[in-house]
Amino acid sequence: DVRLNLSLSGAGSEWKNDGALWGGLGLTYRFYDLVGVYALGRLGYGAIDERLLTLLAIGAQIWGRIGPTRPYARVAFIHQHEEPLPAAAQNVGGAVFGVGDGIRHRGGAEGALGIDYPFFTRKQWSVFGNAEMSFAGFPNSSGPGWYVLGGLGLGFQYSI
């Protein structure tokens, strides 16, 4: 299966009063209806320091089955950029692609638990909604050490 997922996530971090909001685009290739390789890009905003957040993730996901509902777990390596909005506004393209001034490059890992629910299927195509909770951790000290995210998404699946 090839899967495309659009998502909206809210988060809190270890920094007090640091809310964050991300939009995401995920792409997954699932084998044997059970395990898949996963890539995700997120673009968002962090409240403290009014910073632009961009994240890239690559990892693996595994699904279960409870009737039509598909619970899942995911682990991923992540790379995140954090940059103050005034600096990002000076070079939007550079900020999004990680080459702007003042960007903090951060590597870490993310784990997620979620659930997919298909609500429309026609031939090889299906549309699903999903909800998930995730934890992202960063070992360096150039920003929050962790984020806890909750999100909702809408996805499209093509079964090969």
Protein backbone atom coordinates (compact mmCIF):
# COMPACT_ATOMS: atom_id res chain seq x y z
CA ASP A 1 0.00 0.00 0.00
CA VAL A 2 1.08 3.55 -0.69
CA ARG A 3 -0.30 6.01 1.85
CA LEU A 4 -0.36 9.81 1.95
CA ASN A 5 -1.41 11.54 5.19
CA LEU A 6 -2.11 15.21 5.97
CA SER A 7 -2.08 16.11 9.66
CA LEU A 8 -2.43 18.92 12.16
CA SER A 9 -0.69 18.54 15.54
CA GLY A 10 -0.54 20.57 18.70
CA ALA A 11 2.26 20.16 21.22
CA GLY A 12 3.76 21.17 24.49
CA SER A 13 7.44 21.09 25.30
CA GLU A 14 9.59 21.00 28.41
CA TRP A 15 9.75 24.81 28.23
CA LYS A 16 7.00 26.30 30.40
CA ASN A 17 4.16 27.86 28.33
CA ASP A 18 5.74 26.73 25.05
CA GLY A 19 2.86 25.63 22.87
CA ALA A 20 3.53 24.57 19.29
CA LEU A 21 1.40 23.86 16.24
CA TRP A 22 2.45 21.84 13.17
CA GLY A 23 1.00 20.91 9.80
CA GLY A 24 2.38 17.67 8.42
CA LEU A 25 2.64 15.62 5.25
CA GLY A 26 3.50 11.93 5.58
CA LEU A 27 4.23 9.26 3.01
CA THR A 28 4.28 5.55 3.84
CA TYR A 29 4.89 2.38 1.88
CA ARG A 30 3.30 -0.56 3.71
CA PHE A 31 4.31 -4.19 3.13
CA TYR A 32 2.08 -7.21 3.75
CA ASP A 33 -0.59 -4.97 5.31
CA LEU A 34 1.51 -4.93 8.51
CA VAL A 35 4.77 -2.94 8.46
CA GLY A 36 5.90 0.10 6.52
CA VAL A 37 8.65 2.63 5.95
CA TYR A 38 7.60 6.12 6.86
CA ALA A 39 8.68 9.66 5.89
CA LEU A 40 7.19 12.84 7.34
CA GLY A 41 7.68 16.57 6.95
CA ARG A 42 6.21 19.09 9.39
CA LEU A 43 6.12 22.87 9.33
CA GLY A 44 5.06 24.73 12.44
CA TYR A 45 5.30 27.49 15.01
CA GLY A 46 6.67 27.49 18.56
CA ALA A 47 5.42 30.12 21.02
CA ILE A 48 8.61 30.84 22.99
CA ASP A 49 11.05 32.87 20.88
CA GLU A 50 8.28 32.96 18.23
CA ARG A 51 10.13 30.37 16.19
CA LEU A 52 9.57 28.56 12.91
CA LEU A 53 9.78 24.78 13.33
CA THR A 54 10.56 22.46 10.43
CA LEU A 55 10.92 18.73 10.95
CA LEU A 56 11.90 15.77 8.79
CA ALA A 57 11.39 12.20 9.98
CA ILE A 58 12.15 8.76 8.59
CA GLY A 59 11.24 5.56 10.34
CA ALA A 60 9.15 2.42 10.54
CA GLN A 61 5.52 1.84 11.44
CA ILE A 62 3.62 -1.34 12.33
CA TRP A 63 -0.18 -1.81 12.26
CA GLY A 64 -2.57 -4.10 14.07
CA ARG A 65 -6.19 -4.75 13.19
CA ILE A 66 -9.33 -4.50 15.32
CA GLY A 67 -12.18 -4.84 12.84
CA PRO A 68 -11.78 -2.00 10.35
CA THR A 69 -9.75 0.02 12.88
CA ARG A 70 -5.96 -0.06 12.49
CA PRO A 71 -3.97 0.78 15.65
CA TYR A 72 -0.30 1.50 15.00
CA ALA A 73 3.06 2.24 16.56
CA ARG A 74 5.91 4.16 14.94
CA VAL A 75 9.53 5.00 15.66
CA ALA A 76 11.52 7.52 13.64
CA PHE A 77 14.77 9.41 13.48
CA ILE A 78 14.03 13.13 13.30
CA HIS A 79 15.87 16.27 12.28
CA GLN A 80 14.33 19.58 13.32
CA HIS A 81 15.21 23.19 12.54
CA GLU A 82 14.20 25.98 14.90
CA GLU A 83 14.60 29.60 13.80
CA PRO A 84 13.19 32.90 15.13
CA LEU A 85 10.41 34.18 12.86
CA PRO A 86 12.12 37.55 12.14
CA ALA A 87 15.17 35.67 10.76
CA ALA A 88 12.93 33.28 8.81
CA ALA A 89 11.00 36.20 7.30
CA GLN A 90 14.25 37.56 5.85
CA ASN A 91 14.87 34.31 3.92
CA VAL A 92 11.72 32.14 3.83
CA GLY A 93 13.07 29.62 1.31
CA GLY A 94 16.33 29.23 3.20
CA ALA A 95 14.49 28.78 6.48
CA VAL A 96 12.21 26.05 5.13
CA PHE A 97 15.12 24.19 3.51
CA GLY A 98 17.49 24.57 6.46
CA VAL A 99 20.04 27.02 5.09
CA GLY A 100 18.86 30.30 6.66
CA ASP A 101 20.66 32.41 9.28
CA GLY A 102 20.10 31.58 12.94
CA ILE A 103 18.79 28.04 12.42
CA ARG A 104 19.30 25.58 15.25
CA HIS A 105 19.74 22.11 13.73
CA ARG A 106 18.59 19.37 16.09
CA GLY A 107 18.59 15.61 15.75
CA GLY A 108 16.57 13.18 17.82
CA ALA A 109 13.96 10.42 17.82
CA GLU A 110 10.18 10.21 17.89
CA GLY A 111 7.81 7.47 18.98
CA ALA A 112 4.08 7.49 18.25
CA LEU A 113 0.93 5.51 18.97
CA GLY A 114 -2.16 6.06 16.90
CA ILE A 115 -5.20 4.69 15.18
CA ASP A 116 -6.39 4.76 11.56
CA TYR A 117 -10.05 4.37 10.64
CA PRO A 118 -11.02 3.94 6.97
CA PHE A 119 -14.32 5.62 6.21
CA PHE A 120 -14.48 5.34 2.42
CA THR A 121 -13.22 2.55 0.15
CA ARG A 122 -13.61 2.13 -3.60
CA LYS A 123 -11.66 -0.54 -5.46
CA GLN A 124 -7.99 -0.02 -4.54
CA TRP A 125 -8.49 3.43 -3.00
CA SER A 126 -9.48 4.27 0.55
CA VAL A 127 -9.72 7.40 2.66
CA PHE A 128 -8.97 7.22 6.37
CA GLY A 129 -8.95 9.45 9.40
CA ASN A 130 -6.40 9.08 12.15
CA ALA A 131 -5.49 10.29 15.61
CA GLU A 132 -2.13 9.92 17.30
CA MET A 133 0.01 10.87 20.26
CA SER A 134 3.77 11.13 19.94
CA PHE A 135 6.87 11.98 21.93
CA ALA A 136 9.88 13.65 20.29
CA GLY A 137 13.17 13.84 22.16
CA PHE A 138 16.34 15.78 21.42
CA PRO A 139 19.59 15.11 23.31
CA ASN A 140 21.19 18.54 22.73
CA SER A 141 20.47 21.70 24.70
CA SER A 142 19.84 24.21 21.89
CA GLY A 143 16.07 24.08 22.43
CA PRO A 144 13.43 22.08 24.28
CA GLY A 145 14.64 18.58 25.14
CA TRP A 146 11.24 17.05 24.36
CA TYR A 147 7.84 17.69 22.81
CA VAL A 148 4.59 15.79 23.42
CA LEU A 149 2.26 16.00 20.41
CA GLY A 150 -1.36 15.15 19.76
CA GLY A 151 -2.71 15.23 16.24
CA LEU A 152 -5.49 14.45 13.81
CA GLY A 153 -5.07 13.54 10.18
CA LEU A 154 -6.74 12.65 6.91
CA GLY A 155 -5.13 10.11 4.63
CA PHE A 156 -5.41 8.43 1.26
CA GLN A 157 -4.32 4.88 0.56
CA TYR A 158 -3.77 3.06 -2.71
CA SER A 159 -3.51 -0.72 -2.45
CA ILE A 160 -1.15 -2.17 -5.01
